[in-house]
N, C-alpha and C. Protein backbone atom coordinates (compact mmCIF):
# COMPACT_ATOMS: atom_id res chain seq x y z
N UNK A 1 2.40 -15.82 -55.93
CA UNK A 1 1.28 -16.25 -56.72
C UNK A 1 0.76 -17.56 -56.15
N UNK A 2 -0.52 -17.64 -55.89
CA UNK A 2 -1.07 -18.87 -55.31
C UNK A 2 -1.01 -20.01 -56.33
N UNK A 3 -0.92 -21.24 -55.86
CA UNK A 3 -0.87 -22.37 -56.79
C UNK A 3 -2.18 -22.52 -57.55
N UNK A 4 -2.07 -23.05 -58.75
CA UNK A 4 -3.29 -23.27 -59.55
C UNK A 4 -4.13 -24.35 -58.91
N UNK A 5 -5.44 -24.18 -59.00
CA UNK A 5 -6.31 -25.22 -58.46
C UNK A 5 -6.46 -26.31 -59.51
N UNK A 6 -6.71 -27.51 -59.06
CA UNK A 6 -6.90 -28.64 -59.95
C UNK A 6 -8.23 -28.50 -60.67
N UNK A 7 -8.23 -28.84 -61.95
CA UNK A 7 -9.48 -28.82 -62.72
C UNK A 7 -10.33 -30.03 -62.32
N UNK A 8 -11.62 -29.82 -62.31
CA UNK A 8 -12.52 -30.95 -62.08
C UNK A 8 -12.55 -31.80 -63.35
N UNK A 9 -13.07 -33.00 -63.25
CA UNK A 9 -13.14 -33.88 -64.43
C UNK A 9 -13.96 -33.25 -65.54
N UNK A 10 -15.06 -32.58 -65.20
CA UNK A 10 -15.92 -31.94 -66.20
C UNK A 10 -15.16 -30.79 -66.88
N UNK A 11 -14.45 -29.99 -66.10
CA UNK A 11 -13.69 -28.87 -66.68
C UNK A 11 -12.57 -29.39 -67.58
N UNK A 12 -11.90 -30.44 -67.15
CA UNK A 12 -10.82 -31.02 -67.95
C UNK A 12 -11.37 -31.57 -69.26
N UNK A 13 -12.50 -32.25 -69.20
CA UNK A 13 -13.11 -32.81 -70.40
C UNK A 13 -13.54 -31.69 -71.35
N UNK A 14 -14.11 -30.62 -70.81
CA UNK A 14 -14.51 -29.49 -71.64
C UNK A 14 -13.30 -28.84 -72.31
N UNK A 15 -12.25 -28.68 -71.55
CA UNK A 15 -11.03 -28.09 -72.09
C UNK A 15 -10.46 -28.96 -73.21
N UNK A 16 -10.40 -30.27 -73.00
CA UNK A 16 -9.89 -31.19 -74.03
C UNK A 16 -10.76 -31.18 -75.27
N UNK A 17 -12.09 -31.11 -75.08
CA UNK A 17 -13.01 -31.06 -76.22
C UNK A 17 -12.78 -29.79 -77.04
N UNK A 18 -12.66 -28.67 -76.36
CA UNK A 18 -12.41 -27.40 -77.05
C UNK A 18 -11.08 -27.46 -77.82
N UNK A 19 -10.08 -28.04 -77.20
CA UNK A 19 -8.77 -28.15 -77.85
C UNK A 19 -8.85 -29.03 -79.09
N UNK A 20 -9.57 -30.16 -79.01
CA UNK A 20 -9.73 -31.05 -80.16
C UNK A 20 -10.46 -30.35 -81.30
N UNK A 21 -11.52 -29.59 -80.96
CA UNK A 21 -12.27 -28.86 -82.00
C UNK A 21 -11.39 -27.82 -82.66
N UNK A 22 -10.66 -27.11 -81.86
CA UNK A 22 -9.77 -26.06 -82.39
C UNK A 22 -8.72 -26.67 -83.32
N UNK A 23 -8.13 -27.80 -82.90
CA UNK A 23 -7.11 -28.45 -83.73
C UNK A 23 -7.72 -29.11 -84.95
N UNK A 24 -8.98 -29.51 -84.89
CA UNK A 24 -9.66 -30.09 -86.04
C UNK A 24 -9.89 -29.07 -87.14
N UNK A 25 -10.04 -27.82 -86.78
CA UNK A 25 -10.26 -26.74 -87.75
C UNK A 25 -8.95 -26.13 -88.24
N UNK A 26 -7.86 -26.57 -87.66
CA UNK A 26 -6.55 -26.02 -87.99
C UNK A 26 -6.13 -26.43 -89.40
N UNK A 27 -5.48 -25.52 -90.13
CA UNK A 27 -4.99 -25.80 -91.47
C UNK A 27 -3.83 -26.81 -91.38
N UNK A 28 -3.67 -27.65 -92.39
CA UNK A 28 -2.59 -28.66 -92.34
C UNK A 28 -1.19 -28.04 -92.20
N UNK A 29 -0.96 -26.90 -92.85
CA UNK A 29 0.35 -26.24 -92.74
C UNK A 29 0.58 -25.76 -91.32
N UNK A 30 -0.46 -25.17 -90.73
CA UNK A 30 -0.35 -24.68 -89.36
C UNK A 30 -0.14 -25.84 -88.40
N UNK A 31 -0.83 -26.96 -88.65
CA UNK A 31 -0.67 -28.13 -87.79
C UNK A 31 0.76 -28.66 -87.88
N UNK A 32 1.27 -28.77 -89.10
CA UNK A 32 2.64 -29.25 -89.29
C UNK A 32 3.65 -28.33 -88.61
N UNK A 33 3.43 -27.02 -88.73
CA UNK A 33 4.33 -26.06 -88.08
C UNK A 33 4.27 -26.20 -86.57
N UNK A 34 3.07 -26.36 -86.01
CA UNK A 34 2.91 -26.52 -84.56
C UNK A 34 3.63 -27.77 -84.08
N UNK A 35 3.45 -28.87 -84.80
CA UNK A 35 4.10 -30.12 -84.43
C UNK A 35 5.63 -30.02 -84.54
N UNK A 36 6.07 -29.36 -85.59
CA UNK A 36 7.50 -29.18 -85.78
C UNK A 36 8.09 -28.33 -84.65
N UNK A 37 7.40 -27.27 -84.26
CA UNK A 37 7.85 -26.43 -83.15
C UNK A 37 7.89 -27.23 -81.84
N UNK A 38 6.88 -28.07 -81.64
CA UNK A 38 6.85 -28.89 -80.42
C UNK A 38 8.02 -29.87 -80.38
N UNK A 39 8.39 -30.41 -81.55
CA UNK A 39 9.53 -31.33 -81.59
C UNK A 39 10.85 -30.59 -81.40
N UNK A 40 10.95 -29.37 -81.87
CA UNK A 40 12.19 -28.61 -81.79
C UNK A 40 12.43 -28.00 -80.40
N UNK A 41 11.38 -27.76 -79.65
CA UNK A 41 11.50 -27.09 -78.35
C UNK A 41 12.43 -27.80 -77.37
N UNK A 42 12.33 -29.12 -77.17
CA UNK A 42 13.23 -29.77 -76.20
C UNK A 42 14.71 -29.62 -76.56
N UNK A 43 15.05 -29.72 -77.86
CA UNK A 43 16.44 -29.56 -78.28
C UNK A 43 16.90 -28.13 -78.02
N UNK A 44 16.05 -27.17 -78.30
CA UNK A 44 16.38 -25.77 -78.05
C UNK A 44 16.66 -25.54 -76.56
N UNK A 45 15.81 -26.14 -75.71
CA UNK A 45 15.99 -25.97 -74.27
C UNK A 45 17.29 -26.62 -73.80
N UNK A 46 17.62 -27.79 -74.34
CA UNK A 46 18.88 -28.44 -73.97
C UNK A 46 20.07 -27.59 -74.41
N UNK A 47 19.99 -27.05 -75.63
CA UNK A 47 21.09 -26.21 -76.13
C UNK A 47 21.26 -24.96 -75.28
N UNK A 48 20.15 -24.34 -74.90
CA UNK A 48 20.22 -23.15 -74.05
C UNK A 48 20.85 -23.47 -72.70
N UNK A 49 20.47 -24.60 -72.11
CA UNK A 49 21.02 -24.99 -70.82
C UNK A 49 22.52 -25.24 -70.93
N UNK A 50 22.95 -25.93 -71.99
CA UNK A 50 24.37 -26.18 -72.21
C UNK A 50 25.13 -24.87 -72.34
N UNK A 51 24.56 -23.92 -73.08
CA UNK A 51 25.22 -22.62 -73.28
C UNK A 51 25.36 -21.88 -71.96
N UNK A 52 24.31 -21.91 -71.13
CA UNK A 52 24.39 -21.24 -69.82
C UNK A 52 25.47 -21.88 -68.95
N UNK A 53 25.53 -23.22 -68.97
CA UNK A 53 26.54 -23.92 -68.17
C UNK A 53 27.95 -23.61 -68.67
N UNK A 54 28.11 -23.57 -70.00
CA UNK A 54 29.43 -23.24 -70.56
C UNK A 54 29.87 -21.86 -70.14
N UNK A 55 28.97 -20.88 -70.22
CA UNK A 55 29.35 -19.52 -69.86
C UNK A 55 29.63 -19.42 -68.37
N UNK A 56 28.84 -20.13 -67.54
CA UNK A 56 29.09 -20.12 -66.09
C UNK A 56 30.44 -20.77 -65.79
N UNK A 57 30.73 -21.90 -66.46
CA UNK A 57 32.02 -22.57 -66.24
C UNK A 57 33.18 -21.71 -66.70
N UNK A 58 32.99 -20.99 -67.80
CA UNK A 58 34.06 -20.11 -68.29
C UNK A 58 34.32 -19.01 -67.28
N UNK A 59 33.28 -18.45 -66.72
CA UNK A 59 33.45 -17.40 -65.72
C UNK A 59 34.19 -17.96 -64.51
N UNK A 60 33.81 -19.15 -64.05
CA UNK A 60 34.48 -19.76 -62.90
C UNK A 60 35.95 -20.03 -63.21
N UNK A 61 36.24 -20.52 -64.41
CA UNK A 61 37.63 -20.79 -64.80
C UNK A 61 38.42 -19.48 -64.84
N UNK A 62 37.83 -18.43 -65.39
CA UNK A 62 38.51 -17.14 -65.47
C UNK A 62 38.80 -16.58 -64.08
N UNK A 63 37.84 -16.70 -63.17
CA UNK A 63 38.04 -16.21 -61.80
C UNK A 63 39.15 -17.00 -61.12
N UNK A 64 39.14 -18.32 -61.30
CA UNK A 64 40.18 -19.18 -60.71
C UNK A 64 41.55 -18.83 -61.28
N UNK A 65 41.63 -18.60 -62.59
CA UNK A 65 42.90 -18.24 -63.22
C UNK A 65 43.41 -16.91 -62.68
N UNK A 66 42.52 -15.96 -62.52
CA UNK A 66 42.92 -14.65 -61.98
C UNK A 66 43.43 -14.79 -60.55
N UNK A 67 42.75 -15.62 -59.75
CA UNK A 67 43.17 -15.82 -58.36
C UNK A 67 44.55 -16.47 -58.31
N UNK A 68 44.77 -17.48 -59.16
CA UNK A 68 46.09 -18.12 -59.19
C UNK A 68 47.18 -17.16 -59.65
N UNK A 69 46.85 -16.34 -60.61
CA UNK A 69 47.82 -15.36 -61.11
C UNK A 69 48.21 -14.39 -60.00
N UNK A 70 47.22 -13.93 -59.24
CA UNK A 70 47.51 -13.03 -58.13
C UNK A 70 48.34 -13.73 -57.06
N UNK A 71 48.02 -14.99 -56.77
CA UNK A 71 48.79 -15.75 -55.78
C UNK A 71 50.23 -15.95 -56.23
N UNK A 72 50.43 -16.24 -57.51
CA UNK A 72 51.79 -16.43 -58.02
C UNK A 72 52.58 -15.12 -57.95
N UNK A 73 51.91 -14.00 -58.18
CA UNK A 73 52.60 -12.71 -58.13
C UNK A 73 53.08 -12.39 -56.72
N UNK A 74 52.40 -12.94 -55.72
CA UNK A 74 52.75 -12.64 -54.33
C UNK A 74 53.72 -13.64 -53.72
N UNK A 75 54.01 -14.74 -54.42
CA UNK A 75 54.87 -15.75 -53.80
C UNK A 75 56.34 -15.31 -53.84
N UNK A 76 57.13 -15.74 -52.86
CA UNK A 76 58.55 -15.34 -52.80
C UNK A 76 59.33 -15.88 -54.00
N UNK A 77 60.48 -15.27 -54.27
CA UNK A 77 61.29 -15.63 -55.44
C UNK A 77 61.75 -17.09 -55.39
N UNK A 78 62.11 -17.60 -54.18
CA UNK A 78 62.59 -18.99 -54.10
C UNK A 78 61.49 -19.96 -54.54
N UNK A 79 60.27 -19.72 -54.08
CA UNK A 79 59.15 -20.60 -54.43
C UNK A 79 58.84 -20.49 -55.92
N UNK A 80 58.90 -19.27 -56.43
CA UNK A 80 58.63 -19.06 -57.85
C UNK A 80 59.67 -19.80 -58.70
N UNK A 81 60.95 -19.68 -58.33
CA UNK A 81 62.00 -20.36 -59.08
C UNK A 81 61.83 -21.88 -59.01
N UNK A 82 61.46 -22.40 -57.85
CA UNK A 82 61.25 -23.84 -57.70
C UNK A 82 60.08 -24.30 -58.56
N UNK A 83 59.01 -23.52 -58.58
CA UNK A 83 57.84 -23.86 -59.38
C UNK A 83 58.18 -23.86 -60.87
N UNK A 84 58.93 -22.85 -61.32
CA UNK A 84 59.32 -22.78 -62.73
C UNK A 84 60.25 -23.92 -63.10
N UNK A 85 61.17 -24.29 -62.18
CA UNK A 85 62.08 -25.40 -62.43
C UNK A 85 61.31 -26.71 -62.57
N UNK A 86 60.33 -26.91 -61.67
CA UNK A 86 59.50 -28.11 -61.72
C UNK A 86 58.71 -28.17 -63.02
N UNK A 87 58.18 -27.03 -63.44
CA UNK A 87 57.43 -26.97 -64.70
C UNK A 87 58.34 -27.31 -65.88
N UNK A 88 59.57 -26.80 -65.87
CA UNK A 88 60.51 -27.08 -66.95
C UNK A 88 60.85 -28.57 -67.01
N UNK A 89 61.01 -29.20 -65.84
CA UNK A 89 61.29 -30.63 -65.81
C UNK A 89 60.12 -31.45 -66.35
N UNK A 90 58.89 -31.04 -66.00
CA UNK A 90 57.70 -31.73 -66.52
C UNK A 90 57.63 -31.62 -68.03
N UNK A 91 57.89 -30.42 -68.55
CA UNK A 91 57.84 -30.22 -70.00
C UNK A 91 58.92 -31.02 -70.70
N UNK A 92 60.10 -31.06 -70.10
CA UNK A 92 61.20 -31.82 -70.70
C UNK A 92 60.85 -33.31 -70.76
N UNK A 93 60.26 -33.84 -69.69
CA UNK A 93 59.87 -35.25 -69.67
C UNK A 93 58.82 -35.53 -70.73
N UNK A 94 57.86 -34.61 -70.89
CA UNK A 94 56.83 -34.80 -71.92
C UNK A 94 57.43 -34.77 -73.32
N UNK A 95 58.40 -33.88 -73.54
CA UNK A 95 59.01 -33.78 -74.86
C UNK A 95 59.85 -35.00 -75.20
N UNK A 96 60.44 -35.63 -74.19
CA UNK A 96 61.21 -36.85 -74.44
C UNK A 96 60.29 -37.99 -74.87
N UNK A 97 59.04 -37.97 -74.39
CA UNK A 97 58.09 -39.03 -74.71
C UNK A 97 57.30 -38.78 -76.00
N UNK A 98 57.31 -37.55 -76.51
CA UNK A 98 56.47 -37.24 -77.66
C UNK A 98 57.02 -37.84 -78.95
N UNK A 99 56.11 -38.14 -79.86
CA UNK A 99 56.50 -38.71 -81.14
C UNK A 99 56.94 -37.59 -82.09
N UNK A 100 57.47 -38.00 -83.22
CA UNK A 100 57.93 -37.01 -84.21
C UNK A 100 56.77 -36.16 -84.72
N UNK A 101 55.62 -36.81 -84.91
CA UNK A 101 54.43 -36.07 -85.39
C UNK A 101 53.98 -35.05 -84.35
N UNK A 102 53.97 -35.45 -83.07
CA UNK A 102 53.59 -34.52 -82.00
C UNK A 102 54.58 -33.36 -81.91
N UNK A 103 55.85 -33.67 -82.11
CA UNK A 103 56.89 -32.62 -82.06
C UNK A 103 56.67 -31.60 -83.19
N UNK A 104 56.42 -32.10 -84.39
CA UNK A 104 56.17 -31.18 -85.51
C UNK A 104 54.93 -30.32 -85.25
N UNK A 105 53.88 -30.93 -84.72
CA UNK A 105 52.66 -30.17 -84.43
C UNK A 105 52.92 -29.11 -83.36
N UNK A 106 53.69 -29.47 -82.32
CA UNK A 106 54.00 -28.51 -81.26
C UNK A 106 54.82 -27.33 -81.80
N UNK A 107 55.83 -27.64 -82.62
CA UNK A 107 56.66 -26.57 -83.19
C UNK A 107 55.86 -25.69 -84.15
N UNK A 108 54.95 -26.32 -84.92
CA UNK A 108 54.12 -25.55 -85.84
C UNK A 108 53.20 -24.60 -85.05
N UNK A 109 52.59 -25.11 -83.97
CA UNK A 109 51.73 -24.26 -83.12
C UNK A 109 52.52 -23.13 -82.48
N UNK A 110 53.72 -23.46 -82.04
CA UNK A 110 54.57 -22.44 -81.42
C UNK A 110 54.92 -21.35 -82.43
N UNK A 111 55.25 -21.74 -83.65
CA UNK A 111 55.58 -20.76 -84.69
C UNK A 111 54.37 -19.89 -85.01
N UNK A 112 53.18 -20.49 -85.04
CA UNK A 112 51.95 -19.74 -85.30
C UNK A 112 51.71 -18.71 -84.20
N UNK A 113 51.89 -19.12 -82.93
CA UNK A 113 51.71 -18.18 -81.81
C UNK A 113 52.71 -17.04 -81.88
N UNK A 114 53.98 -17.36 -82.19
CA UNK A 114 55.00 -16.32 -82.28
C UNK A 114 54.69 -15.34 -83.41
N UNK A 115 54.21 -15.86 -84.53
CA UNK A 115 53.86 -14.99 -85.65
C UNK A 115 52.70 -14.08 -85.28
N UNK A 116 51.73 -14.60 -84.55
CA UNK A 116 50.59 -13.79 -84.11
C UNK A 116 51.05 -12.68 -83.17
N UNK A 117 51.99 -12.99 -82.30
CA UNK A 117 52.53 -11.96 -81.39
C UNK A 117 53.25 -10.89 -82.19
N UNK A 118 54.08 -11.31 -83.17
CA UNK A 118 54.79 -10.33 -84.00
C UNK A 118 53.82 -9.46 -84.78
N UNK A 119 52.78 -10.09 -85.34
CA UNK A 119 51.78 -9.32 -86.10
C UNK A 119 51.08 -8.30 -85.19
N UNK A 120 50.77 -8.71 -83.97
CA UNK A 120 50.12 -7.79 -83.03
C UNK A 120 51.03 -6.62 -82.67
N UNK A 121 52.32 -6.91 -82.51
CA UNK A 121 53.28 -5.85 -82.16
C UNK A 121 53.45 -4.87 -83.31
N UNK A 122 53.48 -5.36 -84.55
CA UNK A 122 53.65 -4.46 -85.69
C UNK A 122 52.37 -3.69 -85.98
N UNK A 123 51.21 -4.26 -85.59
CA UNK A 123 49.95 -3.58 -85.82
C UNK A 123 49.80 -2.37 -84.89
N UNK A 124 50.43 -2.44 -83.73
CA UNK A 124 50.33 -1.33 -82.76
C UNK A 124 51.16 -0.20 -83.23
C-alpha cells in the first residue's frame, strides 16, 4: 500500500472545520462516551500488550522446561545422581536457614499438594 500523501493546509483546515461542526452537533451523552472511550483505549492497549508478552514468555518457559527435561532424561546415571545430591544439599541448607513460620508454610503447602495428588488418584 503506498504511503498516504500529506494534506495541504487548506485540506487540513477543511477537515478540522468539518470535525468541529460534527462534534458541535454531537449529543452530550455521545460526547461523554467518545471521550471516555478515548481515555480507556491506551490502558486497553497496554493490557493487551502485557497479555501477549505473558503468553509469549510462558511459551518460551514451557519450551525451555521441556528441553531441560529431555536433556536430564538423556544424562548418565552418575551425573543424574550428582545433580540430585547437589539439589538435596541446597534444599537442606535452605531448610536450616528458614524460620518457624516459613517451615509451617512449606509443610502446609506440601500437605496440600499431597492431598491434591491423592484426590486425583482416587478420582481416576
